[in-house]
Amino acid sequence: MMTLTKKRQTVKQRKIRLIRNPKSGILRTHKLIRKAVERSFSGEFDFEFIETEYQGHARELAREAAEQGYDIVVAIGGDGTTNEIGSALLHTDTALGIIPLGSGNGLARGLHIPLAPARAVKVLKTGKIKTIDAGLVEDRIFFIVTGMGFDAQIGKTFNEQNIRGLLPYFTIGFREYATFKPEVYILKFDDRQVAVSALFVTIANLKGWGGGAIISPEAEYDDGLLDICVIHRVSWWYAIANLYKLFTGGVVKLRKYSRYQAKSVEIIRERPGPFHYDGEVADGGGTLHVSVLPGALKVIVPATSEK
């Protein structure tokens, strides 16, 4: 699939399946998006464009493409679509490409893929392939972060209301904070046991969530480790006063922040509840197991990207 040129891997004009989730993000101009993508690839690639019809369809289409020997499967949508497709491509020779059209675009941001569709398409033509780690929380794959606590509760409410965008997300957050009750978590990793009273616990494979928020500035997506990040129980005024640090990388300087690294972690919490993974939310039990899958996925990133 790849050829070495000047010590760099570049994408050949090979067989590509583009999978578009018509429900992703805020932009829903389906015909315009399809025409623009087809015009960009016409004459240069052997490609096909397919729109998903139901939840899980993107995963099925991606798995089929990998089995049929496609070189690249491109996710056109948000983090949920990208997660479905990437999960189906684990440990295969088929690379994931991303044209981000979601509201958060956490994986694209973390891999330095441009958020402008035209520039993202250019990356697919001129980029290189990198192999990245994946995470496993119970039976769910994640590439960005997984977590539990306050942000999982916000995510659950956010998804139930079928709305998108940062403003509605933070509006829900302010409303939920008034009634949310932090809990004690026991973290077991590397023969250690740490008990924390936390607002939330986030396990990061990349530096941050979607929307530009950063939870672990030093996280690396190919080091074979997960970053275990804890925001301890805080007062509402402390949370509001320091919220901006989640977007500047300054979260690591907070006295209410802790970070550990491990290949796997067992998390015991006071009660069952939701957990999130790459923007999706599932219900989990009182104990959750999270582990890293080193070098699990091939992804096309900008040719000039170091990390």
C-alpha atoms as a PDB file:
ATOM      1  CA  MET A   1       0.000   0.000   0.000  1.00  0.00           C
ATOM      2  CA  MET A   2       2.834   2.385   0.859  1.00  0.00           C
ATOM      3  CA  THR A   3       6.085   3.324  -0.857  1.00  0.00           C
ATOM      4  CA  LEU A   4       9.186   4.832   0.725  1.00  0.00           C
ATOM      5  CA  THR A   5      10.215   8.214  -0.666  1.00  0.00           C
ATOM      6  CA  LYS A   6      12.874  10.296   1.048  1.00  0.00           C
ATOM      7  CA  LYS A   7      12.565   8.110   4.137  1.00  0.00           C
ATOM      8  CA  ARG A   8       8.836   8.842   4.358  1.00  0.00           C
ATOM      9  CA  GLN A   9       5.764   6.743   3.651  1.00  0.00           C
ATOM     10  CA  THR A  10       3.274   8.316   1.236  1.00  0.00           C
ATOM     11  CA  VAL A  11      -0.126   7.077   0.078  1.00  0.00           C
ATOM     12  CA  LYS A  12      -0.342   5.430  -3.335  1.00  0.00           C
ATOM     13  CA  GLN A  13      -3.435   5.792  -5.496  1.00  0.00           C
ATOM     14  CA  ARG A  14      -5.122   2.625  -4.329  1.00  0.00           C
ATOM     15  CA  LYS A  15      -8.531   1.207  -3.483  1.00  0.00           C
ATOM     16  CA  ILE A  16     -10.543   3.316  -1.043  1.00  0.00           C
ATOM     17  CA  ARG A  17     -13.978   3.022   0.559  1.00  0.00           C
ATOM     18  CA  LEU A  18     -15.413   6.295   1.867  1.00  0.00           C
ATOM     19  CA  ILE A  19     -18.093   5.888   4.531  1.00  0.00           C
ATOM     20  CA  ARG A  20     -20.249   8.876   5.364  1.00  0.00           C
ATOM     21  CA  ASN A  21     -22.567   9.107   8.369  1.00  0.00           C
ATOM     22  CA  PRO A  22     -25.330  11.491   7.245  1.00  0.00           C
ATOM     23  CA  LYS A  23     -26.338  12.134  10.862  1.00  0.00           C
ATOM     24  CA  SER A  24     -22.911  13.310  12.076  1.00  0.00           C
ATOM     25  CA  GLY A  25     -22.324  16.824  13.322  1.00  0.00           C
ATOM     26  CA  ILE A  26     -24.245  19.982  12.568  1.00  0.00           C
ATOM     27  CA  LEU A  27     -23.551  20.202   8.839  1.00  0.00           C
ATOM     28  CA  ARG A  28     -26.107  18.046   6.983  1.00  0.00           C
ATOM     29  CA  THR A  29     -25.700  19.177   3.345  1.00  0.00           C
ATOM     30  CA  HIS A  30     -25.474  15.602   2.058  1.00  0.00           C
ATOM     31  CA  LYS A  31     -25.409  16.206  -1.700  1.00  0.00           C
ATOM     32  CA  LEU A  32     -22.840  18.987  -1.436  1.00  0.00           C
ATOM     33  CA  ILE A  33     -20.546  16.873   0.734  1.00  0.00           C
ATOM     34  CA  ARG A  34     -20.799  13.872  -1.552  1.00  0.00           C
ATOM     35  CA  LYS A  35     -20.128  15.885  -4.707  1.00  0.00           C
ATOM     36  CA  ALA A  36     -17.126  17.611  -3.131  1.00  0.00           C
ATOM     37  CA  VAL A  37     -15.590  14.336  -1.994  1.00  0.00           C
ATOM     38  CA  GLU A  38     -16.201  12.568  -5.281  1.00  0.00           C
ATOM     39  CA  ARG A  39     -14.713  15.481  -7.207  1.00  0.00           C
ATOM     40  CA  SER A  40     -11.600  15.381  -5.017  1.00  0.00           C
ATOM     41  CA  PHE A  41     -10.988  11.662  -5.565  1.00  0.00           C
ATOM     42  CA  SER A  42     -12.184  11.280  -9.161  1.00  0.00           C
ATOM     43  CA  GLY A  43      -9.445  10.173 -11.536  1.00  0.00           C
ATOM     44  CA  GLU A  44      -6.882   9.663  -8.784  1.00  0.00           C
ATOM     45  CA  PHE A  45      -8.245   6.761  -6.736  1.00  0.00           C
ATOM     46  CA  ASP A  46     -10.310   3.638  -7.206  1.00  0.00           C
ATOM     47  CA  PHE A  47     -12.980   4.639  -4.727  1.00  0.00           C
ATOM     48  CA  GLU A  48     -16.571   4.150  -3.687  1.00  0.00           C
ATOM     49  CA  PHE A  49     -18.772   6.375  -1.521  1.00  0.00           C
ATOM     50  CA  ILE A  50     -21.327   4.769   0.813  1.00  0.00           C
ATOM     51  CA  GLU A  51     -23.673   6.410   3.317  1.00  0.00           C
ATOM     52  CA  THR A  52     -24.614   4.552   6.486  1.00  0.00           C
ATOM     53  CA  GLU A  53     -28.227   3.589   7.082  1.00  0.00           C
ATOM     54  CA  TYR A  54     -28.265   2.553  10.748  1.00  0.00           C
ATOM     55  CA  GLN A  55     -26.115   2.416  13.887  1.00  0.00           C
ATOM     56  CA  GLY A  56     -23.335  -0.116  13.449  1.00  0.00           C
ATOM     57  CA  HIS A  57     -23.521   0.017   9.655  1.00  0.00           C
ATOM     58  CA  ALA A  58     -20.181   1.840   9.394  1.00  0.00           C
ATOM     59  CA  ARG A  59     -18.492  -0.959  11.344  1.00  0.00           C
ATOM     60  CA  GLU A  60     -19.979  -3.581   9.031  1.00  0.00           C
ATOM     61  CA  LEU A  61     -18.904  -1.708   5.909  1.00  0.00           C
ATOM     62  CA  ALA A  62     -15.383  -1.186   7.247  1.00  0.00           C
ATOM     63  CA  ARG A  63     -14.982  -4.835   8.244  1.00  0.00           C
ATOM     64  CA  GLU A  64     -16.143  -5.899   4.792  1.00  0.00           C
ATOM     65  CA  ALA A  65     -13.649  -3.533   3.148  1.00  0.00           C
ATOM     66  CA  ALA A  66     -10.772  -4.907   5.216  1.00  0.00           C
ATOM     67  CA  GLU A  67     -11.746  -8.470   4.333  1.00  0.00           C
ATOM     68  CA  GLN A  68     -11.828  -7.509   0.648  1.00  0.00           C
ATOM     69  CA  GLY A  69      -8.349  -6.006   0.791  1.00  0.00           C
ATOM     70  CA  TYR A  70      -9.148  -2.296   0.563  1.00  0.00           C
ATOM     71  CA  ASP A  71      -6.111  -0.124   1.223  1.00  0.00           C
ATOM     72  CA  ILE A  72      -7.959   2.680   3.012  1.00  0.00           C
ATOM     73  CA  VAL A  73     -11.351   3.165   4.641  1.00  0.00           C
ATOM     74  CA  VAL A  74     -12.235   6.816   5.180  1.00  0.00           C
ATOM     75  CA  ALA A  75     -14.564   7.899   7.986  1.00  0.00           C
ATOM     76  CA  ILE A  76     -16.603  10.953   6.989  1.00  0.00           C
ATOM     77  CA  GLY A  77     -18.322  12.033  10.162  1.00  0.00           C
ATOM     78  CA  GLY A  78     -17.658  12.484  13.854  1.00  0.00           C
ATOM     79  CA  ASP A  79     -15.891  10.504  16.555  1.00  0.00           C
ATOM     80  CA  GLY A  80     -18.678   7.932  16.780  1.00  0.00           C
ATOM     81  CA  THR A  81     -18.367   7.076  13.098  1.00  0.00           C
ATOM     82  CA  THR A  82     -14.574   7.099  13.303  1.00  0.00           C
ATOM     83  CA  ASN A  83     -14.692   4.785  16.305  1.00  0.00           C
ATOM     84  CA  GLU A  84     -16.968   2.306  14.515  1.00  0.00           C
ATOM     85  CA  ILE A  85     -14.730   2.191  11.462  1.00  0.00           C
ATOM     86  CA  GLY A  86     -11.454   2.164  13.370  1.00  0.00           C
ATOM     87  CA  SER A  87     -12.700  -0.668  15.595  1.00  0.00           C
ATOM     88  CA  ALA A  88     -13.375  -2.789  12.509  1.00  0.00           C
ATOM     89  CA  LEU A  89      -9.869  -2.143  11.132  1.00  0.00           C
ATOM     90  CA  LEU A  90      -7.910  -3.201  14.236  1.00  0.00           C
ATOM     91  CA  HIS A  91      -4.894  -5.394  13.465  1.00  0.00           C
ATOM     92  CA  THR A  92      -5.521  -5.299   9.689  1.00  0.00           C
ATOM     93  CA  ASP A  93      -3.464  -3.866   6.825  1.00  0.00           C
ATOM     94  CA  THR A  94      -6.272  -1.455   5.940  1.00  0.00           C
ATOM     95  CA  ALA A  95      -5.584   2.108   7.083  1.00  0.00           C
ATOM     96  CA  LEU A  96      -8.122   4.513   8.544  1.00  0.00           C
ATOM     97  CA  GLY A  97      -8.543   7.902   6.899  1.00  0.00           C
ATOM     98  CA  ILE A  98     -10.536  10.727   8.467  1.00  0.00           C
ATOM     99  CA  ILE A  99     -12.559  13.593   7.011  1.00  0.00           C
ATOM    100  CA  PRO A 100     -13.910  15.162  10.223  1.00  0.00           C
ATOM    101  CA  LEU A 101     -17.474  16.439  10.090  1.00  0.00           C
ATOM    102  CA  GLY A 102     -18.538  15.906  13.700  1.00  0.00           C
ATOM    103  CA  SER A 103     -19.075  18.349  16.531  1.00  0.00           C
ATOM    104  CA  GLY A 104     -16.039  17.256  18.582  1.00  0.00           C
ATOM    105  CA  ASN A 105     -13.585  15.583  16.190  1.00  0.00           C
ATOM    106  CA  GLY A 106     -11.339  14.410  19.020  1.00  0.00           C
ATOM    107  CA  LEU A 107      -9.368  11.825  17.036  1.00  0.00           C
ATOM    108  CA  ALA A 108      -8.731  14.195  14.129  1.00  0.00           C
ATOM    109  CA  ARG A 109      -7.534  16.893  16.528  1.00  0.00           C
ATOM    110  CA  GLY A 110      -5.299  14.472  18.395  1.00  0.00           C
ATOM    111  CA  LEU A 111      -3.665  13.289  15.170  1.00  0.00           C
ATOM    112  CA  HIS A 112      -3.309  16.843  13.787  1.00  0.00           C
ATOM    113  CA  ILE A 113      -5.661  16.141  10.886  1.00  0.00           C
ATOM    114  CA  PRO A 114      -7.142  19.431   9.610  1.00  0.00           C
ATOM    115  CA  LEU A 115     -10.760  20.064  10.529  1.00  0.00           C
ATOM    116  CA  ALA A 116     -11.429  21.730   7.160  1.00  0.00           C
ATOM    117  CA  PRO A 117     -12.714  18.916   4.873  1.00  0.00           C
ATOM    118  CA  ALA A 118     -10.715  20.079   1.828  1.00  0.00           C
ATOM    119  CA  ARG A 119      -7.469  20.057   3.795  1.00  0.00           C
ATOM    120  CA  ALA A 120      -8.337  16.671   5.340  1.00  0.00           C
ATOM    121  CA  VAL A 121      -8.788  15.258   1.832  1.00  0.00           C
ATOM    122  CA  LYS A 122      -5.345  16.572   0.929  1.00  0.00           C
ATOM    123  CA  VAL A 123      -3.909  14.619   3.872  1.00  0.00           C
ATOM    124  CA  LEU A 124      -5.425  11.442   2.424  1.00  0.00           C
ATOM    125  CA  LYS A 125      -3.552  12.131  -0.802  1.00  0.00           C
ATOM    126  CA  THR A 126      -0.186  13.224   0.590  1.00  0.00           C
ATOM    127  CA  GLY A 127      -0.054  11.884   4.147  1.00  0.00           C
ATOM    128  CA  LYS A 128       1.790   9.047   5.813  1.00  0.00           C
ATOM    129  CA  ILE A 129       0.651   6.031   7.776  1.00  0.00           C
ATOM    130  CA  LYS A 130       1.238   5.854  11.504  1.00  0.00           C
ATOM    131  CA  THR A 131       0.372   2.967  13.781  1.00  0.00           C
ATOM    132  CA  ILE A 132      -1.425   4.018  16.956  1.00  0.00           C
ATOM    133  CA  ASP A 133      -2.583   2.331  20.134  1.00  0.00           C
ATOM    134  CA  ALA A 134      -6.199   1.630  20.980  1.00  0.00           C
ATOM    135  CA  GLY A 135      -7.866   1.251  24.351  1.00  0.00           C
ATOM    136  CA  LEU A 136     -10.305  -1.381  25.545  1.00  0.00           C
ATOM    137  CA  VAL A 137     -12.860  -0.601  28.256  1.00  0.00           C
ATOM    138  CA  GLU A 138     -14.846  -3.732  29.037  1.00  0.00           C
ATOM    139  CA  ASP A 139     -15.839  -4.816  25.502  1.00  0.00           C
ATOM    140  CA  ARG A 140     -15.700  -1.326  23.920  1.00  0.00           C
ATOM    141  CA  ILE A 141     -12.827   0.066  21.857  1.00  0.00           C
ATOM    142  CA  PHE A 142     -11.677   3.661  22.217  1.00  0.00           C
ATOM    143  CA  PHE A 143      -8.966   5.684  20.505  1.00  0.00           C
ATOM    144  CA  ILE A 144      -9.323   9.004  22.323  1.00  0.00           C
ATOM    145  CA  VAL A 145     -10.488   8.663  25.936  1.00  0.00           C
ATOM    146  CA  THR A 146     -12.774   6.697  28.188  1.00  0.00           C
ATOM    147  CA  GLY A 147     -14.002   7.800  31.564  1.00  0.00           C
ATOM    148  CA  MET A 148     -16.587   7.834  34.306  1.00  0.00           C
ATOM    149  CA  GLY A 149     -18.056  10.308  36.723  1.00  0.00           C
ATOM    150  CA  PHE A 150     -19.317  13.800  35.993  1.00  0.00           C
ATOM    151  CA  ASP A 151     -18.316  13.948  32.311  1.00  0.00           C
ATOM    152  CA  ALA A 152     -19.943  10.565  31.660  1.00  0.00           C
ATOM    153  CA  GLN A 153     -23.172  11.809  33.235  1.00  0.00           C
ATOM    154  CA  ILE A 154     -23.075  14.927  31.055  1.00  0.00           C
ATOM    155  CA  GLY A 155     -22.404  12.760  28.007  1.00  0.00           C
ATOM    156  CA  LYS A 156     -25.358  10.526  28.782  1.00  0.00           C
ATOM    157  CA  THR A 157     -27.735  13.477  29.117  1.00  0.00           C
ATOM    158  CA  PHE A 158     -26.223  15.129  26.038  1.00  0.00           C
ATOM    159  CA  ASN A 159     -26.747  12.020  23.884  1.00  0.00           C
ATOM    160  CA  GLU A 160     -30.268  11.402  25.175  1.00  0.00           C
ATOM    161  CA  GLN A 161     -31.302  14.876  24.042  1.00  0.00           C
ATOM    162  CA  ASN A 162     -29.878  14.284  20.546  1.00  0.00           C
ATOM    163  CA  ILE A 163     -28.197  17.671  20.357  1.00  0.00           C
ATOM    164  CA  ARG A 164     -24.731  18.693  19.219  1.00  0.00           C
ATOM    165  CA  GLY A 165     -22.195  21.451  19.830  1.00  0.00           C
ATOM    166  CA  LEU A 166     -20.082  22.768  22.703  1.00  0.00           C
ATOM    167  CA  LEU A 167     -22.606  25.330  23.964  1.00  0.00           C
ATOM    168  CA  PRO A 168     -25.379  22.760  24.677  1.00  0.00           C
ATOM    169  CA  TYR A 169     -22.753  20.470  26.228  1.00  0.00           C
ATOM    170  CA  PHE A 170     -21.593  23.107  28.703  1.00  0.00           C
ATOM    171  CA  THR A 171     -25.159  24.213  29.392  1.00  0.00           C
ATOM    172  CA  ILE A 172     -25.985  20.660  30.442  1.00  0.00           C
ATOM    173  CA  GLY A 173     -22.787  20.546  32.493  1.00  0.00           C
ATOM    174  CA  PHE A 174     -23.663  23.633  34.524  1.00  0.00           C
ATOM    175  CA  ARG A 175     -27.146  22.273  35.172  1.00  0.00           C
ATOM    176  CA  GLU A 176     -25.962  18.779  36.174  1.00  0.00           C
ATOM    177  CA  TYR A 177     -23.223  20.056  38.486  1.00  0.00           C
ATOM    178  CA  ALA A 178     -25.752  21.312  41.030  1.00  0.00           C
ATOM    179  CA  THR A 179     -27.039  17.785  41.767  1.00  0.00           C
ATOM    180  CA  PHE A 180     -24.089  15.565  40.863  1.00  0.00           C
ATOM    181  CA  LYS A 181     -22.538  13.576  43.723  1.00  0.00           C
ATOM    182  CA  PRO A 182     -18.830  12.691  43.338  1.00  0.00           C
ATOM    183  CA  GLU A 183     -17.811   9.226  44.470  1.00  0.00           C
ATOM    184  CA  VAL A 184     -14.761   7.339  45.681  1.00  0.00           C
ATOM    185  CA  TYR A 185     -12.847   5.306  43.103  1.00  0.00           C
ATOM    186  CA  ILE A 186     -10.228   2.664  43.773  1.00  0.00           C
ATOM    187  CA  LEU A 187      -7.649   2.461  40.980  1.00  0.00           C
ATOM    188  CA  LYS A 188      -5.622  -0.744  40.737  1.00  0.00           C
ATOM    189  CA  PHE A 189      -2.625  -0.761  38.389  1.00  0.00           C
ATOM    190  CA  ASP A 190       1.019  -1.935  38.398  1.00  0.00           C
ATOM    191  CA  ASP A 191       0.697  -3.554  41.843  1.00  0.00           C
ATOM    192  CA  ARG A 192      -0.566  -0.240  43.212  1.00  0.00           C
ATOM    193  CA  GLN A 193      -3.902   0.673  44.723  1.00  0.00           C
ATOM    194  CA  VAL A 194      -4.981   4.316  44.874  1.00  0.00           C
ATOM    195  CA  ALA A 195      -8.240   5.572  46.378  1.00  0.00           C
ATOM    196  CA  VAL A 196      -9.527   8.925  45.122  1.00  0.00           C
ATOM    197  CA  SER A 197     -12.621  10.991  45.797  1.00  0.00           C
ATOM    198  CA  ALA A 198     -13.155  12.320  42.304  1.00  0.00           C
ATOM    199  CA  LEU A 199     -15.364  14.486  40.165  1.00  0.00           C
ATOM    200  CA  PHE A 200     -14.343  12.234  37.292  1.00  0.00           C
ATOM    201  CA  VAL A 201     -11.695   9.742  36.182  1.00  0.00           C
ATOM    202  CA  THR A 202     -10.524   9.817  32.571  1.00  0.00           C
ATOM    203  CA  ILE A 203      -8.301   7.237  30.878  1.00  0.00           C
ATOM    204  CA  ALA A 204      -6.602   8.910  27.926  1.00  0.00           C
ATOM    205  CA  ASN A 205      -4.945   7.489  24.836  1.00  0.00           C
ATOM    206  CA  LEU A 206      -4.730  10.962  23.270  1.00  0.00           C
ATOM    207  CA  LYS A 207      -4.218  14.324  24.920  1.00  0.00           C
ATOM    208  CA  GLY A 208      -7.855  15.331  25.134  1.00  0.00           C
ATOM    209  CA  TRP A 209     -11.535  14.956  24.383  1.00  0.00           C
ATOM    210  CA  GLY A 210     -13.272  16.410  21.362  1.00  0.00           C
ATOM    211  CA  GLY A 211     -13.868  20.126  21.064  1.00  0.00           C
ATOM    212  CA  GLY A 212     -10.267  21.000  21.960  1.00  0.00           C
ATOM    213  CA  ALA A 213     -10.373  20.130  25.669  1.00  0.00           C
ATOM    214  CA  ILE A 214      -7.074  18.718  27.000  1.00  0.00           C
ATOM    215  CA  ILE A 215      -6.942  16.298  29.926  1.00  0.00           C
ATOM    216  CA  SER A 216      -3.393  14.924  29.564  1.00  0.00           C
ATOM    217  CA  PRO A 217      -0.976  17.128  27.575  1.00  0.00           C
ATOM    218  CA  GLU A 218       1.797  14.526  27.786  1.00  0.00           C
ATOM    219  CA  ALA A 219      -0.253  11.576  26.513  1.00  0.00           C
ATOM    220  CA  GLU A 220       1.214   9.775  23.489  1.00  0.00           C
ATOM    221  CA  TYR A 221      -0.908   7.639  21.181  1.00  0.00           C
ATOM    222  CA  ASP A 222       1.870   5.169  20.371  1.00  0.00           C
ATOM    223  CA  ASP A 223       3.727   4.603  23.660  1.00  0.00           C
ATOM    224  CA  GLY A 224       1.843   1.470  24.729  1.00  0.00           C
ATOM    225  CA  LEU A 225       0.532   3.248  27.848  1.00  0.00           C
ATOM    226  CA  LEU A 226      -2.702   4.819  29.022  1.00  0.00           C
ATOM    227  CA  ASP A 227      -2.831   8.039  31.046  1.00  0.00           C
ATOM    228  CA  ILE A 228      -5.040   7.732  34.128  1.00  0.00           C
ATOM    229  CA  CYS A 229      -6.231  11.254  34.926  1.00  0.00           C
ATOM    230  CA  VAL A 230      -8.194  12.275  38.002  1.00  0.00           C
ATOM    231  CA  ILE A 231      -9.993  15.517  38.744  1.00  0.00           C
ATOM    232  CA  HIS A 232     -10.582  15.292  42.485  1.00  0.00           C
ATOM    233  CA  ARG A 233     -13.712  16.447  44.254  1.00  0.00           C
ATOM    234  CA  VAL A 234     -13.873  20.247  43.905  1.00  0.00           C
ATOM    235  CA  SER A 235     -16.257  23.053  44.831  1.00  0.00           C
ATOM    236  CA  TRP A 236     -18.352  24.643  42.120  1.00  0.00           C
ATOM    237  CA  TRP A 237     -16.424  27.918  42.273  1.00  0.00           C
ATOM    238  CA  TYR A 238     -13.088  26.092  41.900  1.00  0.00           C
ATOM    239  CA  ALA A 239     -14.439  24.208  38.862  1.00  0.00           C
ATOM    240  CA  ILE A 240     -15.758  27.363  37.182  1.00  0.00           C
ATOM    241  CA  ALA A 241     -12.619  29.381  37.912  1.00  0.00           C
ATOM    242  CA  ASN A 242     -10.358  26.738  36.387  1.00  0.00           C
ATOM    243  CA  LEU A 243     -12.536  25.474  33.537  1.00  0.00           C
ATOM    244  CA  TYR A 244     -10.499  27.373  30.941  1.00  0.00           C
ATOM    245  CA  LYS A 245      -7.395  25.355  31.878  1.00  0.00           C
ATOM    246  CA  LEU A 246      -8.962  22.327  30.203  1.00  0.00           C
ATOM    247  CA  PHE A 247      -8.403  24.159  26.912  1.00  0.00           C
ATOM    248  CA  THR A 248      -4.887  25.465  27.557  1.00  0.00           C
ATOM    249  CA  GLY A 249      -3.144  22.385  28.936  1.00  0.00           C
ATOM    250  CA  GLY A 250      -2.960  24.079  32.328  1.00  0.00           C
ATOM    251  CA  VAL A 251      -5.041  21.359  33.968  1.00  0.00           C
ATOM    252  CA  VAL A 252      -1.825  19.571  34.991  1.00  0.00           C
ATOM    253  CA  LYS A 253      -0.952  22.488  37.292  1.00  0.00           C
ATOM    254  CA  LEU A 254      -4.125  22.183  39.335  1.00  0.00           C
ATOM    255  CA  ARG A 255      -3.674  20.870  42.874  1.00  0.00           C
ATOM    256  CA  LYS A 256      -6.880  18.883  42.320  1.00  0.00           C
ATOM    257  CA  TYR A 257      -5.396  16.985  39.368  1.00  0.00           C
ATOM    258  CA  SER A 258      -3.501  13.674  39.438  1.00  0.00           C
ATOM    259  CA  ARG A 259      -2.052  11.580  36.615  1.00  0.00           C
ATOM    260  CA  TYR A 260      -0.672   8.053  36.442  1.00  0.00           C
ATOM    261  CA  GLN A 261       0.394   5.816  33.564  1.00  0.00           C
ATOM    262  CA  ALA A 262      -0.171   2.101  33.115  1.00  0.00           C
ATOM    263  CA  LYS A 263      -0.874  -0.574  30.523  1.00  0.00           C
ATOM    264  CA  SER A 264      -4.084  -1.529  32.281  1.00  0.00           C
ATOM    265  CA  VAL A 265      -6.185  -0.405  35.219  1.00  0.00           C
ATOM    266  CA  GLU A 266      -9.050  -1.849  37.217  1.00  0.00           C
ATOM    267  CA  ILE A 267     -11.471   0.779  38.492  1.00  0.00           C
ATOM    268  CA  ILE A 268     -13.793   0.025  41.392  1.00  0.00           C
ATOM    269  CA  ARG A 269     -16.474   2.604  42.110  1.00  0.00           C
ATOM    270  CA  GLU A 270     -19.225   2.983  44.658  1.00  0.00           C
ATOM    271  CA  ARG A 271     -22.093   2.225  42.311  1.00  0.00           C
ATOM    272  CA  PRO A 272     -22.846   1.232  38.723  1.00  0.00           C
ATOM    273  CA  GLY A 273     -23.243   4.059  36.259  1.00  0.00           C
ATOM    274  CA  PRO A 274     -22.433   5.358  32.795  1.00  0.00           C
ATOM    275  CA  PHE A 275     -19.002   5.474  31.207  1.00  0.00           C
ATOM    276  CA  HIS A 276     -18.050   7.234  27.996  1.00  0.00           C
ATOM    277  CA  TYR A 277     -15.724   6.206  25.195  1.00  0.00           C
ATOM    278  CA  ASP A 278     -14.928   8.440  22.205  1.00  0.00           C
ATOM    279  CA  GLY A 279     -18.107  10.434  22.723  1.00  0.00           C
ATOM    280  CA  GLU A 280     -20.398   7.436  23.071  1.00  0.00           C
ATOM    281  CA  VAL A 281     -21.936   6.411  26.418  1.00  0.00           C
ATOM    282  CA  ALA A 282     -22.694   2.972  27.866  1.00  0.00           C
ATOM    283  CA  ASP A 283     -23.910   1.712  31.234  1.00  0.00           C
ATOM    284  CA  GLY A 284     -21.278  -0.047  33.314  1.00  0.00           C
ATOM    285  CA  GLY A 285     -21.053  -1.967  36.559  1.00  0.00           C
ATOM    286  CA  GLY A 286     -19.271  -1.200  39.789  1.00  0.00           C
ATOM    287  CA  THR A 287     -15.963  -2.474  38.403  1.00  0.00           C
ATOM    288  CA  LEU A 288     -14.485  -1.521  35.043  1.00  0.00           C
ATOM    289  CA  HIS A 289     -11.381  -2.902  33.344  1.00  0.00           C
ATOM    290  CA  VAL A 290      -9.390  -0.738  30.941  1.00  0.00           C
ATOM    291  CA  SER A 291      -6.327  -1.835  28.967  1.00  0.00           C
ATOM    292  CA  VAL A 292      -4.189  -0.700  26.040  1.00  0.00           C
ATOM    293  CA  LEU A 293      -3.881  -2.480  22.695  1.00  0.00           C
ATOM    294  CA  PRO A 294      -0.439  -1.380  21.454  1.00  0.00           C
ATOM    295  CA  GLY A 295       0.004  -0.634  17.759  1.00  0.00           C
ATOM    296  CA  ALA A 296      -3.524  -1.745  16.936  1.00  0.00           C
ATOM    297  CA  LEU A 297      -4.556   0.623  14.138  1.00  0.00           C
ATOM    298  CA  LYS A 298      -3.006   2.160  11.018  1.00  0.00           C
ATOM    299  CA  VAL A 299      -4.098   5.765  10.426  1.00  0.00           C
ATOM    300  CA  ILE A 300      -3.259   8.308   7.720  1.00  0.00           C
ATOM    301  CA  VAL A 301      -1.893  11.507   9.259  1.00  0.00           C
ATOM    302  CA  PRO A 302      -0.244  14.641   7.807  1.00  0.00           C
ATOM    303  CA  ALA A 303       3.156  13.939   6.272  1.00  0.00           C
ATOM    304  CA  THR A 304       4.756  16.636   8.415  1.00  0.00           C
ATOM    305  CA  SER A 305       3.215  15.418  11.665  1.00  0.00           C
ATOM    306  CA  GLU A 306       5.697  14.378  14.354  1.00  0.00           C
ATOM    307  CA  LYS A 307       2.975  13.400  16.815  1.00  0.00           C
END
